């Protein structure tokens, strides 16, 4: 994503948060295993992530499954198994060609096998794992919580909620139904629900006491629910103190990209931190930042190949949680950071 550097006025003061920031296994331990598979979630849990994060889409027969997008050719063998199902749709106002989960029943989805999305990551386990249902993911979390004798959280994201609602496949009711079935729709349950559309969070708030997180995308992009409402405000427009105060009435916290907190210029040079965390905290909002990746293709060169340096810098700014493809690196960095602060 291209992030502008008008992100609010930059500042130099650092506010250290003494609590332990949450470590969220982004799509599981997706730096090691094909994303959104039970194997990836299991590895993140074994690495002691506090939460695992499934992105949720929905099948033709209304079953929630974990994929980052409803177009599934990038991460599965659907093109080989169902070549005739290729089609073109308009998703969130943008035309897209491919294979879409909502055109398949769960039985059909279960015939597919997953693959690694990124070319520079491990492909030895391509076509080994199924696409998991949300039920299977929750079963895993409940089982492992008992086995490991610790609370393991789940952090589902509703993907393209306005689009799915428009075709009669609402995500919110299906999500709450599954959480209730696992006794996880309670205020103290280890669950966060997230979305890039504030309107979807307003709707699901009627169904749950669980904390909600508003995700923040590219600053110049207009959220799709805003597009539908003819609202011209971009994600950046929503990051002012005035707008964040309004958002606070709906959500527990925000989930900005890292570059909202520590921007990069056009040459990938790190800039001074913005006051976003300070502003959010003053309003009582938590800040969970995405996405931390240890690959050399992603890690900023100023960290000299050491992801621990990046985590430490964000921890020192007071982030309340981080989404990481490599939970073991995040856990290690948190341990060393807290040790230094004793």
Foldseek 3Di string as FASTA:
>chain_A
DDADPVLADFDFDFAFDLDFFAEEQELALLLADAGQFPVSNVVNVVLVHQEYEFEWDAELVQFIWGDPFQFCVLWKVCCVVPVVQWDWDQALNRIDIHHGRHDHDVVVQQVIWTAHNDPPGDGPCGRPTGTDTVLVVLVVQVVVCVVVVHHRAYEYEHPSQVVCVVVPRHDLVNVLVSCVVSVQQAQPHRYEYEYCDLVSLQVSVVVGNYFYEHEADHQCAQPSVCVVVVNNHGSSNCQDLVNLLVSVVRGQAYEYEVCSQWNAPPVRHTDGGHCSCVSCVVSRHAYEYDDQEQDPVPDRCVVVSQSLVVLLVVNRNPHNYYHYSRSSSNVVSSVVNSVVVD
